[in-house]
Amino acid sequence: MLLSPEQLEELRRISSPTIANAIETFEVRARMEGVTGPGVQCLFPQHGGMIGYASTLAIHSNQPPAKQRRVNRKDYWESMRKKTGPLVAVAQDLSETAGGAYWGDVNSHIHQKLGCVGVLTNGAVRDLDEVGRMAVPFHFMAASVTVSHGWAHLEDFDCPVKVFGMLVRPGDLIHADRHGAVIIPAEIADRVAAAARKVEADEKPMLDLCRASEMDLDALDKLISAGY
């Protein structure tokens, strides 16, 4: 079941680390599952958080495409047009080292028109000035920035992909900000915002103690989990 625009906006305004903390309280997966590892660059932190359903693709950027293409680019666009947004394009660059940027000014405009609010990719991006000036903000979460598009091309779409150690399947609900990205499990998605508010409420007494003129270590120790 898709969340309402209001529910999505509420989640978008919460930081990704707090979302991750909230998900942990449900104990539905391992703590390092469904989150990105190091290496994500948030190129437009001024846009705030990004949230949407994953529209996945695999690309290659450091070698030319085969003469007989595996998939049709127009089919990819049509598949995206049929999805209910907002969408996040999650692109795995299959290259050992990214050779060029699949994402720039033109591709960002195309994907925004097809319902995407941004891209999460282990590949490269470019055209930061042009994309940064788009009338409707478009998020860039990438591994690197480069000058050339190289041989960046589409290899597959609507398939499981892995970016920054996080396995993403088509339709997964993605939350991302300058810390990285986290998948919100569908079975608890409508309860995560409330859980995040509880996490913040539970942390407040600890922060209050730290802000006091004299910090009571005994009181602080009682508030913080023994496993921390």
Protein backbone atom coordinates (compact mmCIF):
# COMPACT_ATOMS: atom_id res chain seq x y z
CA MET A 1 0.00 0.00 0.00
CA LEU A 2 1.39 3.38 -1.02
CA LEU A 3 1.62 6.13 1.55
CA SER A 4 -0.33 9.36 1.11
CA PRO A 5 1.48 12.55 0.00
CA GLU A 6 1.06 13.86 3.55
CA GLN A 7 2.65 10.76 5.07
CA LEU A 8 5.54 10.93 2.62
CA GLU A 9 6.13 14.61 3.36
CA GLU A 10 6.15 13.93 7.10
CA LEU A 11 8.80 11.27 6.59
CA ARG A 12 10.83 13.46 4.22
CA ARG A 13 11.22 16.10 6.93
CA ILE A 14 12.82 13.61 9.33
CA SER A 15 16.57 12.95 9.05
CA SER A 16 17.72 9.63 7.61
CA PRO A 17 19.60 8.64 10.82
CA THR A 18 16.41 9.19 12.85
CA ILE A 19 14.46 7.13 10.29
CA ALA A 20 17.04 4.35 10.68
CA ASN A 21 16.75 4.53 14.49
CA ALA A 22 12.96 4.36 14.25
CA ILE A 23 13.09 1.29 11.98
CA GLU A 24 15.37 -0.48 14.48
CA THR A 25 12.64 -0.29 17.13
CA PHE A 26 10.44 -2.64 15.07
CA GLU A 27 13.17 -5.33 14.87
CA VAL A 28 12.11 -6.35 11.36
CA ARG A 29 15.66 -6.63 9.95
CA ALA A 30 19.32 -6.51 10.88
CA ARG A 31 20.60 -3.03 11.73
CA MET A 32 23.07 -2.84 8.83
CA GLU A 33 20.50 -4.07 6.33
CA GLY A 34 18.64 -1.60 4.13
CA VAL A 35 21.09 1.27 4.65
CA THR A 36 23.91 2.66 2.54
CA GLY A 37 27.52 2.39 3.61
CA PRO A 38 30.18 5.08 3.18
CA GLY A 39 30.78 6.95 -0.06
CA VAL A 40 27.47 8.68 -0.80
CA GLN A 41 27.86 12.32 -1.78
CA CYS A 42 24.79 14.52 -1.40
CA LEU A 43 25.45 17.19 -4.03
CA PHE A 44 22.47 19.40 -3.15
CA PRO A 45 22.09 19.28 0.66
CA GLN A 46 20.06 22.50 0.46
CA HIS A 47 17.19 20.43 -0.99
CA GLY A 48 16.75 18.63 2.33
CA GLY A 49 15.50 15.05 2.42
CA MET A 50 14.47 12.91 -0.55
CA ILE A 51 11.76 10.26 -0.44
CA GLY A 52 10.19 8.11 -3.14
CA TYR A 53 9.68 4.61 -4.49
CA ALA A 54 12.66 3.01 -6.19
CA SER A 55 12.72 2.88 -9.97
CA THR A 56 15.82 0.77 -10.53
CA LEU A 57 18.27 0.59 -13.40
CA ALA A 58 21.72 -0.79 -14.15
CA ILE A 59 24.16 1.21 -16.26
CA HIS A 60 27.70 0.87 -17.57
CA SER A 61 29.94 3.87 -18.04
CA ASN A 62 33.50 2.87 -18.93
CA GLN A 63 32.95 0.87 -22.10
CA PRO A 64 30.75 1.32 -25.21
CA PRO A 65 27.39 -0.47 -25.33
CA ALA A 66 27.08 -3.71 -27.27
CA LYS A 67 25.80 -3.34 -30.83
CA GLN A 68 22.84 -5.50 -29.86
CA ARG A 69 21.44 -3.65 -26.85
CA ARG A 70 20.06 -5.74 -24.01
CA VAL A 71 17.15 -3.40 -23.29
CA ASN A 72 15.37 -0.59 -25.09
CA ARG A 73 15.70 2.91 -23.67
CA LYS A 74 12.16 3.86 -24.68
CA ASP A 75 10.80 0.77 -22.90
CA TYR A 76 12.60 1.98 -19.78
CA TRP A 77 11.02 5.41 -20.03
CA GLU A 78 7.57 3.90 -20.64
CA SER A 79 7.91 1.62 -17.61
CA MET A 80 8.68 4.63 -15.44
CA ARG A 81 5.75 6.61 -16.81
CA LYS A 82 3.37 3.84 -15.66
CA LYS A 83 4.58 3.90 -12.04
CA THR A 84 2.99 5.77 -9.18
CA GLY A 85 5.34 8.37 -7.76
CA PRO A 86 7.16 10.02 -6.33
CA LEU A 87 10.02 7.94 -7.70
CA VAL A 88 13.71 7.78 -6.86
CA ALA A 89 15.92 6.52 -9.68
CA VAL A 90 18.33 4.04 -8.10
CA ALA A 91 21.12 3.35 -10.57
CA GLN A 92 23.87 0.79 -10.14
CA ASP A 93 26.92 1.49 -12.28
CA LEU A 94 28.27 -1.95 -13.16
CA SER A 95 31.67 -0.52 -14.10
CA GLU A 96 34.59 -1.36 -11.84
CA THR A 97 35.42 2.36 -11.94
CA ALA A 98 32.88 4.89 -13.18
CA GLY A 99 34.03 6.14 -16.57
CA GLY A 100 31.44 8.84 -17.13
CA ALA A 101 28.25 10.42 -15.85
CA TYR A 102 24.90 8.99 -16.87
CA TRP A 103 23.25 11.81 -14.92
CA GLY A 104 23.46 15.41 -16.06
CA ASP A 105 21.21 18.24 -17.15
CA VAL A 106 19.25 16.43 -19.87
CA ASN A 107 18.80 13.09 -18.09
CA SER A 108 17.70 14.86 -14.91
CA HIS A 109 15.01 16.78 -16.79
CA ILE A 110 13.83 13.59 -18.52
CA HIS A 111 13.58 11.67 -15.25
CA GLN A 112 11.88 14.52 -13.42
CA LYS A 113 9.25 14.67 -16.16
CA LEU A 114 8.73 10.92 -15.68
CA GLY A 115 8.05 11.32 -11.94
CA CYS A 116 11.50 11.15 -10.32
CA VAL A 117 12.51 13.47 -7.50
CA GLY A 118 16.18 12.53 -7.75
CA VAL A 119 18.80 9.85 -8.26
CA LEU A 120 20.79 7.60 -5.94
CA THR A 121 23.74 6.07 -7.79
CA ASN A 122 27.13 4.54 -7.11
CA GLY A 123 28.15 6.13 -10.41
CA ALA A 124 29.00 9.69 -11.37
CA VAL A 125 27.00 12.85 -12.04
CA ARG A 126 27.75 16.18 -13.74
CA ASP A 127 26.17 19.52 -14.77
CA LEU A 128 25.83 20.59 -11.15
CA ASP A 129 25.11 24.25 -11.97
CA GLU A 130 22.36 23.42 -14.46
CA VAL A 131 20.71 20.75 -12.33
CA GLY A 132 21.01 22.95 -9.26
CA ARG A 133 19.00 25.64 -11.06
CA MET A 134 16.11 23.36 -12.05
CA ALA A 135 12.76 25.00 -11.25
CA VAL A 136 11.72 21.98 -9.19
CA PRO A 137 14.61 20.63 -7.07
CA PHE A 138 16.18 17.39 -8.29
CA HIS A 139 18.38 15.45 -5.88
CA PHE A 140 21.84 14.11 -6.74
CA MET A 141 23.14 11.36 -4.41
CA ALA A 142 26.20 9.89 -6.10
CA ALA A 143 29.67 8.46 -5.63
CA SER A 144 31.49 11.11 -7.65
CA VAL A 145 31.35 14.08 -9.99
CA THR A 146 32.98 13.97 -13.41
CA VAL A 147 33.34 16.07 -16.57
CA SER A 148 32.44 13.61 -19.35
CA HIS A 149 29.50 11.30 -19.91
CA GLY A 150 32.02 8.76 -21.22
CA TRP A 151 30.17 5.72 -22.51
CA ALA A 152 27.46 5.80 -19.86
CA HIS A 153 24.51 3.79 -21.13
CA LEU A 154 21.51 1.77 -19.92
CA GLU A 155 22.06 -1.98 -19.40
CA ASP A 156 18.90 -3.11 -17.56
CA PHE A 157 15.95 -1.77 -15.57
CA ASP A 158 13.29 -2.85 -13.06
CA CYS A 159 15.83 -5.25 -11.57
CA PRO A 160 17.41 -5.60 -8.12
CA VAL A 161 20.45 -3.33 -7.81
CA LYS A 162 23.11 -2.68 -5.18
CA VAL A 163 24.43 0.79 -4.38
CA PHE A 164 26.87 1.55 -1.55
CA GLY A 165 26.27 -1.94 -0.16
CA MET A 166 22.47 -1.52 -0.04
CA LEU A 167 20.33 -3.96 -2.02
CA VAL A 168 17.36 -2.18 -3.60
CA ARG A 169 14.39 -3.80 -5.30
CA PRO A 170 11.92 -2.01 -7.58
CA GLY A 171 9.26 -0.28 -5.50
CA ASP A 172 11.27 -0.07 -2.27
CA LEU A 173 10.55 3.14 -0.34
CA ILE A 174 13.78 5.15 -0.24
CA HIS A 175 14.58 7.91 2.25
CA ALA A 176 17.83 9.82 1.74
CA ASP A 177 19.62 12.97 2.83
CA ARG A 178 23.21 14.12 3.29
CA HIS A 179 23.90 11.13 5.57
CA GLY A 180 23.03 8.53 2.92
CA ALA A 181 19.95 6.43 2.23
CA VAL A 182 17.71 3.97 4.04
CA ILE A 183 14.93 1.67 2.82
CA ILE A 184 11.72 1.96 4.82
CA PRO A 185 10.14 -1.52 5.04
CA ALA A 186 6.65 -1.55 3.52
CA GLU A 187 5.11 -3.44 6.44
CA ILE A 188 5.92 -0.66 8.91
CA ALA A 189 6.07 2.38 6.63
CA ASP A 190 2.89 3.95 8.00
CA ARG A 191 4.23 3.71 11.58
CA VAL A 192 7.80 4.95 11.11
CA ALA A 193 7.05 8.67 11.49
CA ALA A 194 5.43 8.11 14.90
CA ALA A 195 8.33 5.87 15.92
CA ALA A 196 10.76 8.60 14.87
CA ARG A 197 8.95 11.12 17.05
CA LYS A 198 9.27 8.71 19.99
CA VAL A 199 12.99 8.26 19.29
CA GLU A 200 13.45 12.03 19.43
CA ALA A 201 11.39 12.29 22.63
CA ASP A 202 13.46 9.52 24.25
CA GLU A 203 16.71 11.30 23.32
CA LYS A 204 15.64 14.67 24.73
CA PRO A 205 16.38 13.89 28.42
CA MET A 206 19.92 12.78 27.45
CA LEU A 207 20.50 15.97 25.49
CA ASP A 208 19.08 18.07 28.31
CA LEU A 209 21.58 16.51 30.72
CA CYS A 210 24.43 17.27 28.31
CA ARG A 211 23.33 20.88 28.05
CA ALA A 212 23.10 21.40 31.81
CA SER A 213 25.81 23.43 33.52
CA GLU A 214 26.86 20.32 35.45
CA MET A 215 26.36 16.96 33.72
CA ASP A 216 25.09 14.17 35.98
CA LEU A 217 26.93 11.10 34.68
CA ASP A 218 24.98 8.66 36.87
CA ALA A 219 21.68 9.95 35.50
CA LEU A 220 23.04 9.90 31.95
CA ASP A 221 24.24 6.31 32.33
CA LYS A 222 20.73 5.21 33.36
CA LEU A 223 19.19 6.79 30.27
CA ILE A 224 21.52 5.34 27.65
CA SER A 225 21.12 1.73 26.51
CA ALA A 226 23.55 -0.72 28.05
CA GLY A 227 24.43 -1.97 24.58
CA TYR A 228 25.58 1.42 23.35
